[in-house]
């Protein structure tokens, strides 16, 4: 009995063709040449050709492109400690501002003294930043107008600020202030241009926390002095600090000053601050350096394609 091609079911015919194609592809590969009388095709990594193989099929050449730790960040211990110093500087600034609030709230210091001291530090930092610039006079005239506007509006609005949160409890004010300062510390760029964060959120949260604390002082003059200190601490001082070399030395001076001022208020808080500073300044950098030895970045043909020109 004879059979024609039309008598064979279509499904069996397609299965037979797949098997034949698979056998041809599994034959020895010789760059498209004839092997055992069959013309074979070399497997290539692309998605626009159908070769009858599964989508996840790979040959022995697939892992030849495997690369590990192409661009390792070889950060030394000194560099890690210097980076940690930026965080310590910002933490010290926040704590020093809170200490100024405690002194004003307890009336341990006059608001005029705080205002004069803040003004002296601001002028010193400003001249240090703008010294030897070509357009120094023009920049000084613009900045002087900005300072005068801030002082005028700040002094006028201080009585309003004093009664701004009169209906809010003190505990709520302190909780909101702590939360705002935490946001300030988390989203601060710490002087690093590689960090893709905006300074606006960090500065806004710190100023908002400062307004909350200023509304709890005894007089509008106290509130105005604290706002002036807030602008110095959270807007001007970090900008100048992160442009000065020797952050470790600055951190040591700030930490010693903060520890002494905290000890006047509470010895327990000063001990906690010392522990936090040691953890940030020494423990974290050393752990980072040690854990870098276990880091392994794997690169290979499975990565997203990068077009280089």
C-alpha atoms as a PDB file:
ATOM      1  CA  UNK A   1       0.000   0.000   0.000  1.00  0.00           C
ATOM      2  CA  UNK A   2       1.410   3.392  -0.946  1.00  0.00           C
ATOM      3  CA  UNK A   3       0.969   6.715   0.851  1.00  0.00           C
ATOM      4  CA  UNK A   4       1.329  10.222  -0.449  1.00  0.00           C
ATOM      5  CA  UNK A   5       2.355  13.322   1.498  1.00  0.00           C
ATOM      6  CA  UNK A   6      -1.226  14.465   1.631  1.00  0.00           C
ATOM      7  CA  UNK A   7      -2.191  11.264   3.526  1.00  0.00           C
ATOM      8  CA  UNK A   8       0.178  12.089   6.445  1.00  0.00           C
ATOM      9  CA  UNK A   9      -1.419  14.225   9.132  1.00  0.00           C
ATOM     10  CA  UNK A  10      -0.242  17.823   9.188  1.00  0.00           C
ATOM     11  CA  UNK A  11       0.799  17.645  12.863  1.00  0.00           C
ATOM     12  CA  UNK A  12       3.064  14.628  12.295  1.00  0.00           C
ATOM     13  CA  UNK A  13       4.596  16.317   9.283  1.00  0.00           C
ATOM     14  CA  UNK A  14       5.500  19.436  11.298  1.00  0.00           C
ATOM     15  CA  UNK A  15       6.942  17.321  14.132  1.00  0.00           C
ATOM     16  CA  UNK A  16       9.157  15.457  11.679  1.00  0.00           C
ATOM     17  CA  UNK A  17      10.438  18.751  10.215  1.00  0.00           C
ATOM     18  CA  UNK A  18      11.296  20.067  13.681  1.00  0.00           C
ATOM     19  CA  UNK A  19      13.280  16.921  14.473  1.00  0.00           C
ATOM     20  CA  UNK A  20      15.194  17.137  11.216  1.00  0.00           C
ATOM     21  CA  UNK A  21      15.976  20.816  11.814  1.00  0.00           C
ATOM     22  CA  UNK A  22      17.099  20.070  15.377  1.00  0.00           C
ATOM     23  CA  UNK A  23      19.393  17.294  14.182  1.00  0.00           C
ATOM     24  CA  UNK A  24      20.943  19.578  11.642  1.00  0.00           C
ATOM     25  CA  UNK A  25      21.651  22.217  14.285  1.00  0.00           C
ATOM     26  CA  UNK A  26      23.150  19.711  16.682  1.00  0.00           C
ATOM     27  CA  UNK A  27      25.686  18.562  14.101  1.00  0.00           C
ATOM     28  CA  UNK A  28      29.268  19.784  14.604  1.00  0.00           C
ATOM     29  CA  UNK A  29      29.545  23.496  13.909  1.00  0.00           C
ATOM     30  CA  UNK A  30      32.235  24.545  11.458  1.00  0.00           C
ATOM     31  CA  UNK A  31      31.374  28.178  10.663  1.00  0.00           C
ATOM     32  CA  UNK A  32      28.613  27.331   8.201  1.00  0.00           C
ATOM     33  CA  UNK A  33      30.546  24.643   6.278  1.00  0.00           C
ATOM     34  CA  UNK A  34      29.414  21.129   5.373  1.00  0.00           C
ATOM     35  CA  UNK A  35      29.846  18.560   8.127  1.00  0.00           C
ATOM     36  CA  UNK A  36      28.762  14.957   7.467  1.00  0.00           C
ATOM     37  CA  UNK A  37      26.971  16.158   4.384  1.00  0.00           C
ATOM     38  CA  UNK A  38      24.796  18.666   6.285  1.00  0.00           C
ATOM     39  CA  UNK A  39      25.141  22.434   6.025  1.00  0.00           C
ATOM     40  CA  UNK A  40      25.155  23.754   9.594  1.00  0.00           C
ATOM     41  CA  UNK A  41      24.748  27.243  10.973  1.00  0.00           C
ATOM     42  CA  UNK A  42      26.793  28.644  13.863  1.00  0.00           C
ATOM     43  CA  UNK A  43      24.791  29.610  16.952  1.00  0.00           C
ATOM     44  CA  UNK A  44      24.739  33.330  17.484  1.00  0.00           C
ATOM     45  CA  UNK A  45      23.358  35.443  20.287  1.00  0.00           C
ATOM     46  CA  UNK A  46      20.473  37.339  18.731  1.00  0.00           C
ATOM     47  CA  UNK A  47      16.712  37.458  18.920  1.00  0.00           C
ATOM     48  CA  UNK A  48      15.769  38.177  15.321  1.00  0.00           C
ATOM     49  CA  UNK A  49      16.604  34.741  13.912  1.00  0.00           C
ATOM     50  CA  UNK A  50      14.603  31.583  14.521  1.00  0.00           C
ATOM     51  CA  UNK A  51      16.843  28.516  14.752  1.00  0.00           C
ATOM     52  CA  UNK A  52      14.477  25.987  16.266  1.00  0.00           C
ATOM     53  CA  UNK A  53      16.111  26.157  19.694  1.00  0.00           C
ATOM     54  CA  UNK A  54      14.632  27.243  23.022  1.00  0.00           C
ATOM     55  CA  UNK A  55      14.888  30.914  23.920  1.00  0.00           C
ATOM     56  CA  UNK A  56      17.189  30.158  26.842  1.00  0.00           C
ATOM     57  CA  UNK A  57      19.596  27.988  24.825  1.00  0.00           C
ATOM     58  CA  UNK A  58      23.276  28.891  25.079  1.00  0.00           C
ATOM     59  CA  UNK A  59      26.461  27.188  24.004  1.00  0.00           C
ATOM     60  CA  UNK A  60      29.852  27.021  25.680  1.00  0.00           C
ATOM     61  CA  UNK A  61      30.858  30.474  24.398  1.00  0.00           C
ATOM     62  CA  UNK A  62      28.138  32.234  26.402  1.00  0.00           C
ATOM     63  CA  UNK A  63      30.167  32.609  29.613  1.00  0.00           C
ATOM     64  CA  UNK A  64      33.323  33.692  27.799  1.00  0.00           C
ATOM     65  CA  UNK A  65      32.093  37.277  28.131  1.00  0.00           C
ATOM     66  CA  UNK A  66      31.688  37.030  31.910  1.00  0.00           C
ATOM     67  CA  UNK A  67      33.436  39.874  33.734  1.00  0.00           C
ATOM     68  CA  UNK A  68      33.714  40.554  37.456  1.00  0.00           C
ATOM     69  CA  UNK A  69      34.342  43.851  39.252  1.00  0.00           C
ATOM     70  CA  UNK A  70      35.112  45.894  36.146  1.00  0.00           C
ATOM     71  CA  UNK A  71      35.162  49.262  37.943  1.00  0.00           C
ATOM     72  CA  UNK A  72      35.915  48.539  41.602  1.00  0.00           C
ATOM     73  CA  UNK A  73      35.707  51.428  44.045  1.00  0.00           C
ATOM     74  CA  UNK A  74      39.114  51.183  45.657  1.00  0.00           C
ATOM     75  CA  UNK A  75      38.401  53.506  48.560  1.00  0.00           C
ATOM     76  CA  UNK A  76      41.128  53.723  51.155  1.00  0.00           C
ATOM     77  CA  UNK A  77      40.541  53.902  54.897  1.00  0.00           C
ATOM     78  CA  UNK A  78      41.493  57.589  54.985  1.00  0.00           C
ATOM     79  CA  UNK A  79      38.984  58.407  52.250  1.00  0.00           C
ATOM     80  CA  UNK A  80      36.219  56.466  54.005  1.00  0.00           C
ATOM     81  CA  UNK A  81      36.888  58.302  57.269  1.00  0.00           C
ATOM     82  CA  UNK A  82      36.857  61.601  55.374  1.00  0.00           C
ATOM     83  CA  UNK A  83      33.480  60.774  53.823  1.00  0.00           C
ATOM     84  CA  UNK A  84      32.119  59.846  57.250  1.00  0.00           C
ATOM     85  CA  UNK A  85      33.361  63.187  58.563  1.00  0.00           C
ATOM     86  CA  UNK A  86      30.867  64.957  56.291  1.00  0.00           C
ATOM     87  CA  UNK A  87      28.016  63.143  58.026  1.00  0.00           C
ATOM     88  CA  UNK A  88      29.473  63.942  61.446  1.00  0.00           C
ATOM     89  CA  UNK A  89      29.765  67.636  60.546  1.00  0.00           C
ATOM     90  CA  UNK A  90      26.099  67.805  59.580  1.00  0.00           C
ATOM     91  CA  UNK A  91      25.055  65.995  62.759  1.00  0.00           C
ATOM     92  CA  UNK A  92      27.136  68.373  64.874  1.00  0.00           C
ATOM     93  CA  UNK A  93      25.525  71.389  63.222  1.00  0.00           C
ATOM     94  CA  UNK A  94      22.026  70.109  64.013  1.00  0.00           C
ATOM     95  CA  UNK A  95      22.919  69.401  67.644  1.00  0.00           C
ATOM     96  CA  UNK A  96      24.592  72.793  68.054  1.00  0.00           C
ATOM     97  CA  UNK A  97      21.452  74.481  66.784  1.00  0.00           C
ATOM     98  CA  UNK A  98      19.331  72.559  69.304  1.00  0.00           C
ATOM     99  CA  UNK A  99      21.767  73.626  72.045  1.00  0.00           C
ATOM    100  CA  UNK A 100      21.273  77.265  71.026  1.00  0.00           C
ATOM    101  CA  UNK A 101      17.506  76.753  71.330  1.00  0.00           C
ATOM    102  CA  UNK A 102      17.897  75.240  74.813  1.00  0.00           C
ATOM    103  CA  UNK A 103      20.051  78.175  75.919  1.00  0.00           C
ATOM    104  CA  UNK A 104      17.536  80.709  74.599  1.00  0.00           C
ATOM    105  CA  UNK A 105      14.577  78.815  76.014  1.00  0.00           C
ATOM    106  CA  UNK A 106      16.144  78.694  79.482  1.00  0.00           C
ATOM    107  CA  UNK A 107      17.383  82.301  79.083  1.00  0.00           C
ATOM    108  CA  UNK A 108      20.966  81.270  79.768  1.00  0.00           C
ATOM    109  CA  UNK A 109      22.124  83.695  77.080  1.00  0.00           C
ATOM    110  CA  UNK A 110      20.747  86.932  75.669  1.00  0.00           C
ATOM    111  CA  UNK A 111      19.264  86.857  72.145  1.00  0.00           C
ATOM    112  CA  UNK A 112      21.401  89.881  71.194  1.00  0.00           C
ATOM    113  CA  UNK A 113      24.550  87.883  71.914  1.00  0.00           C
ATOM    114  CA  UNK A 114      23.340  85.022  69.716  1.00  0.00           C
ATOM    115  CA  UNK A 115      22.516  87.472  66.914  1.00  0.00           C
ATOM    116  CA  UNK A 116      25.921  89.186  67.079  1.00  0.00           C
ATOM    117  CA  UNK A 117      27.810  85.885  67.246  1.00  0.00           C
ATOM    118  CA  UNK A 118      25.855  84.498  64.269  1.00  0.00           C
ATOM    119  CA  UNK A 119      26.542  87.670  62.301  1.00  0.00           C
ATOM    120  CA  UNK A 120      30.293  87.453  62.957  1.00  0.00           C
ATOM    121  CA  UNK A 121      30.430  83.814  61.840  1.00  0.00           C
ATOM    122  CA  UNK A 122      28.362  84.612  58.760  1.00  0.00           C
ATOM    123  CA  UNK A 123      30.634  87.464  57.706  1.00  0.00           C
ATOM    124  CA  UNK A 124      33.760  85.367  58.273  1.00  0.00           C
ATOM    125  CA  UNK A 125      32.422  82.475  56.216  1.00  0.00           C
ATOM    126  CA  UNK A 126      31.146  84.784  53.491  1.00  0.00           C
ATOM    127  CA  UNK A 127      34.479  86.560  52.988  1.00  0.00           C
ATOM    128  CA  UNK A 128      36.261  83.226  53.073  1.00  0.00           C
ATOM    129  CA  UNK A 129      34.000  81.961  50.290  1.00  0.00           C
ATOM    130  CA  UNK A 130      34.021  85.066  48.043  1.00  0.00           C
ATOM    131  CA  UNK A 131      37.657  86.035  48.558  1.00  0.00           C
ATOM    132  CA  UNK A 132      39.724  86.481  45.360  1.00  0.00           C
ATOM    133  CA  UNK A 133      36.736  86.289  42.999  1.00  0.00           C
ATOM    134  CA  UNK A 134      36.679  88.455  39.917  1.00  0.00           C
ATOM    135  CA  UNK A 135      33.124  89.781  40.440  1.00  0.00           C
ATOM    136  CA  UNK A 136      33.453  90.108  44.214  1.00  0.00           C
ATOM    137  CA  UNK A 137      32.056  93.654  44.500  1.00  0.00           C
ATOM    138  CA  UNK A 138      29.037  92.952  42.326  1.00  0.00           C
ATOM    139  CA  UNK A 139      28.279  89.774  44.222  1.00  0.00           C
ATOM    140  CA  UNK A 140      28.627  91.547  47.573  1.00  0.00           C
ATOM    141  CA  UNK A 141      26.116  94.210  46.555  1.00  0.00           C
ATOM    142  CA  UNK A 142      23.520  91.597  45.527  1.00  0.00           C
ATOM    143  CA  UNK A 143      24.061  89.526  48.664  1.00  0.00           C
ATOM    144  CA  UNK A 144      23.836  92.627  50.858  1.00  0.00           C
ATOM    145  CA  UNK A 145      20.382  93.423  49.463  1.00  0.00           C
ATOM    146  CA  UNK A 146      19.304  89.823  50.126  1.00  0.00           C
ATOM    147  CA  UNK A 147      20.535  89.999  53.728  1.00  0.00           C
ATOM    148  CA  UNK A 148      18.769  93.293  54.373  1.00  0.00           C
ATOM    149  CA  UNK A 149      15.485  91.940  52.992  1.00  0.00           C
ATOM    150  CA  UNK A 150      15.789  88.836  55.159  1.00  0.00           C
ATOM    151  CA  UNK A 151      16.553  90.837  58.298  1.00  0.00           C
ATOM    152  CA  UNK A 152      13.712  93.285  57.686  1.00  0.00           C
ATOM    153  CA  UNK A 153      11.029  90.701  56.969  1.00  0.00           C
ATOM    154  CA  UNK A 154      12.328  88.340  59.671  1.00  0.00           C
ATOM    155  CA  UNK A 155      12.169  91.025  62.348  1.00  0.00           C
ATOM    156  CA  UNK A 156       8.734  92.228  61.244  1.00  0.00           C
ATOM    157  CA  UNK A 157       7.234  88.739  61.125  1.00  0.00           C
ATOM    158  CA  UNK A 158       8.769  87.531  64.399  1.00  0.00           C
ATOM    159  CA  UNK A 159       5.731  88.565  66.526  1.00  0.00           C
ATOM    160  CA  UNK A 160       3.472  86.589  64.176  1.00  0.00           C
ATOM    161  CA  UNK A 161       5.787  83.606  64.393  1.00  0.00           C
ATOM    162  CA  UNK A 162       5.663  83.752  68.177  1.00  0.00           C
ATOM    163  CA  UNK A 163       1.917  83.022  68.140  1.00  0.00           C
ATOM    164  CA  UNK A 164       1.908  80.775  65.073  1.00  0.00           C
ATOM    165  CA  UNK A 165       1.657  77.482  66.971  1.00  0.00           C
ATOM    166  CA  UNK A 166      -0.040  78.691  70.148  1.00  0.00           C
ATOM    167  CA  UNK A 167      -2.787  76.062  69.829  1.00  0.00           C
ATOM    168  CA  UNK A 168      -0.334  73.178  69.297  1.00  0.00           C
ATOM    169  CA  UNK A 169       1.064  71.303  72.282  1.00  0.00           C
ATOM    170  CA  UNK A 170       4.770  71.484  73.055  1.00  0.00           C
ATOM    171  CA  UNK A 171       5.210  67.714  72.770  1.00  0.00           C
ATOM    172  CA  UNK A 172       3.787  67.784  69.237  1.00  0.00           C
ATOM    173  CA  UNK A 173       6.143  70.637  68.334  1.00  0.00           C
ATOM    174  CA  UNK A 174       9.158  68.692  69.597  1.00  0.00           C
ATOM    175  CA  UNK A 175       8.074  65.521  67.762  1.00  0.00           C
ATOM    176  CA  UNK A 176       7.607  67.441  64.494  1.00  0.00           C
ATOM    177  CA  UNK A 177      10.995  69.102  64.962  1.00  0.00           C
ATOM    178  CA  UNK A 178      12.783  65.782  65.470  1.00  0.00           C
ATOM    179  CA  UNK A 179      11.076  64.364  62.377  1.00  0.00           C
ATOM    180  CA  UNK A 180      12.048  67.402  60.268  1.00  0.00           C
ATOM    181  CA  UNK A 181      15.682  67.241  61.382  1.00  0.00           C
ATOM    182  CA  UNK A 182      15.800  63.521  60.560  1.00  0.00           C
ATOM    183  CA  UNK A 183      14.576  64.307  57.041  1.00  0.00           C
ATOM    184  CA  UNK A 184      17.246  67.000  56.835  1.00  0.00           C
ATOM    185  CA  UNK A 185      19.981  64.514  57.761  1.00  0.00           C
ATOM    186  CA  UNK A 186      18.685  61.743  55.479  1.00  0.00           C
ATOM    187  CA  UNK A 187      18.281  63.823  52.317  1.00  0.00           C
ATOM    188  CA  UNK A 188      21.326  66.047  52.681  1.00  0.00           C
ATOM    189  CA  UNK A 189      23.916  65.725  49.904  1.00  0.00           C
ATOM    190  CA  UNK A 190      26.851  66.159  52.331  1.00  0.00           C
ATOM    191  CA  UNK A 191      28.796  68.085  49.730  1.00  0.00           C
ATOM    192  CA  UNK A 192      29.009  65.166  47.295  1.00  0.00           C
ATOM    193  CA  UNK A 193      28.263  66.023  43.625  1.00  0.00           C
ATOM    194  CA  UNK A 194      27.617  62.328  42.835  1.00  0.00           C
ATOM    195  CA  UNK A 195      24.521  62.210  45.059  1.00  0.00           C
ATOM    196  CA  UNK A 196      21.401  62.762  42.940  1.00  0.00           C
ATOM    197  CA  UNK A 197      19.405  64.443  45.685  1.00  0.00           C
ATOM    198  CA  UNK A 198      18.064  67.967  45.815  1.00  0.00           C
ATOM    199  CA  UNK A 199      19.100  70.326  48.590  1.00  0.00           C
ATOM    200  CA  UNK A 200      15.647  71.906  48.638  1.00  0.00           C
ATOM    201  CA  UNK A 201      14.006  69.133  50.697  1.00  0.00           C
ATOM    202  CA  UNK A 202      16.859  69.046  53.203  1.00  0.00           C
ATOM    203  CA  UNK A 203      16.977  72.818  53.673  1.00  0.00           C
ATOM    204  CA  UNK A 204      13.186  73.223  53.767  1.00  0.00           C
ATOM    205  CA  UNK A 205      12.744  70.549  56.424  1.00  0.00           C
ATOM    206  CA  UNK A 206      15.473  72.068  58.617  1.00  0.00           C
ATOM    207  CA  UNK A 207      14.006  75.579  58.348  1.00  0.00           C
ATOM    208  CA  UNK A 208      10.529  74.246  59.109  1.00  0.00           C
ATOM    209  CA  UNK A 209      11.848  72.502  62.228  1.00  0.00           C
ATOM    210  CA  UNK A 210      13.575  75.733  63.230  1.00  0.00           C
ATOM    211  CA  UNK A 211      10.303  77.655  62.888  1.00  0.00           C
ATOM    212  CA  UNK A 212       8.603  75.137  65.156  1.00  0.00           C
ATOM    213  CA  UNK A 213      11.229  75.625  67.844  1.00  0.00           C
ATOM    214  CA  UNK A 214      11.283  79.418  67.455  1.00  0.00           C
ATOM    215  CA  UNK A 215       7.534  79.578  68.095  1.00  0.00           C
ATOM    216  CA  UNK A 216       8.149  78.211  71.610  1.00  0.00           C
ATOM    217  CA  UNK A 217      10.523  80.959  72.758  1.00  0.00           C
ATOM    218  CA  UNK A 218       9.571  83.703  75.188  1.00  0.00           C
ATOM    219  CA  UNK A 219       9.771  86.781  72.943  1.00  0.00           C
ATOM    220  CA  UNK A 220       9.838  87.791  69.269  1.00  0.00           C
ATOM    221  CA  UNK A 221      13.481  88.843  69.645  1.00  0.00           C
ATOM    222  CA  UNK A 222      14.375  85.339  70.823  1.00  0.00           C
ATOM    223  CA  UNK A 223      12.547  83.870  67.823  1.00  0.00           C
ATOM    224  CA  UNK A 224      14.308  86.249  65.425  1.00  0.00           C
ATOM    225  CA  UNK A 225      17.720  85.348  66.850  1.00  0.00           C
ATOM    226  CA  UNK A 226      16.999  81.636  66.518  1.00  0.00           C
ATOM    227  CA  UNK A 227      15.859  82.059  62.893  1.00  0.00           C
ATOM    228  CA  UNK A 228      19.067  83.928  62.109  1.00  0.00           C
ATOM    229  CA  UNK A 229      21.036  81.056  63.636  1.00  0.00           C
ATOM    230  CA  UNK A 230      18.991  78.553  61.592  1.00  0.00           C
ATOM    231  CA  UNK A 231      19.914  80.267  58.328  1.00  0.00           C
ATOM    232  CA  UNK A 232      23.556  80.253  59.392  1.00  0.00           C
ATOM    233  CA  UNK A 233      23.544  76.580  60.441  1.00  0.00           C
ATOM    234  CA  UNK A 234      21.485  74.985  57.671  1.00  0.00           C
ATOM    235  CA  UNK A 235      22.049  77.218  54.642  1.00  0.00           C
ATOM    236  CA  UNK A 236      25.407  78.971  54.874  1.00  0.00           C
ATOM    237  CA  UNK A 237      27.577  76.898  57.213  1.00  0.00           C
ATOM    238  CA  UNK A 238      27.286  73.502  55.437  1.00  0.00           C
ATOM    239  CA  UNK A 239      27.987  75.133  52.082  1.00  0.00           C
ATOM    240  CA  UNK A 240      31.245  76.589  53.401  1.00  0.00           C
ATOM    241  CA  UNK A 241      32.223  73.554  55.469  1.00  0.00           C
ATOM    242  CA  UNK A 242      32.052  71.095  52.565  1.00  0.00           C
ATOM    243  CA  UNK A 243      34.349  73.274  50.455  1.00  0.00           C
ATOM    244  CA  UNK A 244      37.131  73.342  53.043  1.00  0.00           C
ATOM    245  CA  UNK A 245      39.744  70.610  53.064  1.00  0.00           C
ATOM    246  CA  UNK A 246      40.522  68.755  56.254  1.00  0.00           C
ATOM    247  CA  UNK A 247      37.018  67.646  57.198  1.00  0.00           C
ATOM    248  CA  UNK A 248      38.433  65.281  59.811  1.00  0.00           C
ATOM    249  CA  UNK A 249      40.044  68.162  61.708  1.00  0.00           C
ATOM    250  CA  UNK A 250      36.819  70.186  61.465  1.00  0.00           C
ATOM    251  CA  UNK A 251      34.878  67.201  62.779  1.00  0.00           C
ATOM    252  CA  UNK A 252      37.200  66.822  65.764  1.00  0.00           C
ATOM    253  CA  UNK A 253      36.825  70.502  66.698  1.00  0.00           C
ATOM    254  CA  UNK A 254      33.039  70.472  66.250  1.00  0.00           C
ATOM    255  CA  UNK A 255      32.635  67.198  68.133  1.00  0.00           C
ATOM    256  CA  UNK A 256      34.713  68.453  71.061  1.00  0.00           C
ATOM    257  CA  UNK A 257      32.704  71.683  71.215  1.00  0.00           C
ATOM    258  CA  UNK A 258      29.385  69.859  70.968  1.00  0.00           C
ATOM    259  CA  UNK A 259      30.393  67.347  73.632  1.00  0.00           C
ATOM    260  CA  UNK A 260      31.326  70.102  76.069  1.00  0.00           C
ATOM    261  CA  UNK A 261      28.099  72.048  75.484  1.00  0.00           C
ATOM    262  CA  UNK A 262      26.027  68.881  75.826  1.00  0.00           C
ATOM    263  CA  UNK A 263      27.813  68.016  79.061  1.00  0.00           C
ATOM    264  CA  UNK A 264      26.673  71.366  80.498  1.00  0.00           C
ATOM    265  CA  UNK A 265      23.080  70.366  79.743  1.00  0.00           C
ATOM    266  CA  UNK A 266      23.220  66.623  80.459  1.00  0.00           C
ATOM    267  CA  UNK A 267      26.151  64.262  81.005  1.00  0.00           C
ATOM    268  CA  UNK A 268      24.088  61.289  79.806  1.00  0.00           C
ATOM    269  CA  UNK A 269      23.311  62.925  76.470  1.00  0.00           C
ATOM    270  CA  UNK A 270      26.977  63.852  76.011  1.00  0.00           C
ATOM    271  CA  UNK A 271      28.010  60.204  76.546  1.00  0.00           C
ATOM    272  CA  UNK A 272      25.430  59.060  73.980  1.00  0.00           C
ATOM    273  CA  UNK A 273      26.739  61.654  71.542  1.00  0.00           C
ATOM    274  CA  UNK A 274      30.319  60.419  71.998  1.00  0.00           C
ATOM    275  CA  UNK A 275      29.195  56.857  71.246  1.00  0.00           C
ATOM    276  CA  UNK A 276      27.293  57.936  68.130  1.00  0.00           C
ATOM    277  CA  UNK A 277      30.284  59.958  66.898  1.00  0.00           C
ATOM    278  CA  UNK A 278      32.695  57.050  67.349  1.00  0.00           C
ATOM    279  CA  UNK A 279      30.269  54.757  65.538  1.00  0.00           C
ATOM    280  CA  UNK A 280      29.867  57.134  62.591  1.00  0.00           C
ATOM    281  CA  UNK A 281      33.477  58.247  62.373  1.00  0.00           C
ATOM    282  CA  UNK A 282      35.352  54.985  62.967  1.00  0.00           C
ATOM    283  CA  UNK A 283      33.146  51.882  63.074  1.00  0.00           C
ATOM    284  CA  UNK A 284      31.150  52.568  59.911  1.00  0.00           C
ATOM    285  CA  UNK A 285      34.171  53.398  57.666  1.00  0.00           C
ATOM    286  CA  UNK A 286      36.139  50.376  58.894  1.00  0.00           C
ATOM    287  CA  UNK A 287      33.173  48.045  58.337  1.00  0.00           C
ATOM    288  CA  UNK A 288      32.680  49.529  54.870  1.00  0.00           C
ATOM    289  CA  UNK A 289      36.313  48.899  53.918  1.00  0.00           C
ATOM    290  CA  UNK A 290      36.187  45.334  55.213  1.00  0.00           C
ATOM    291  CA  UNK A 291      32.890  44.483  53.508  1.00  0.00           C
ATOM    292  CA  UNK A 292      34.149  45.812  50.183  1.00  0.00           C
ATOM    293  CA  UNK A 293      36.376  42.726  49.902  1.00  0.00           C
ATOM    294  CA  UNK A 294      33.252  40.538  49.725  1.00  0.00           C
ATOM    295  CA  UNK A 295      31.579  42.630  47.048  1.00  0.00           C
ATOM    296  CA  UNK A 296      31.388  41.020  43.602  1.00  0.00           C
ATOM    297  CA  UNK A 297      29.717  42.684  40.642  1.00  0.00           C
ATOM    298  CA  UNK A 298      29.064  40.340  37.709  1.00  0.00           C
ATOM    299  CA  UNK A 299      28.822  41.641  34.142  1.00  0.00           C
ATOM    300  CA  UNK A 300      28.055  39.580  31.064  1.00  0.00           C
ATOM    301  CA  UNK A 301      25.961  39.158  27.914  1.00  0.00           C
ATOM    302  CA  UNK A 302      22.750  39.203  29.950  1.00  0.00           C
ATOM    303  CA  UNK A 303      23.205  42.870  30.835  1.00  0.00           C
ATOM    304  CA  UNK A 304      21.357  45.646  29.099  1.00  0.00           C
ATOM    305  CA  UNK A 305      23.053  46.738  25.888  1.00  0.00           C
ATOM    306  CA  UNK A 306      25.065  49.959  26.075  1.00  0.00           C
ATOM    307  CA  UNK A 307      25.631  51.903  22.862  1.00  0.00           C
ATOM    308  CA  UNK A 308      29.105  53.443  22.734  1.00  0.00           C
ATOM    309  CA  UNK A 309      30.041  55.985  20.111  1.00  0.00           C
END
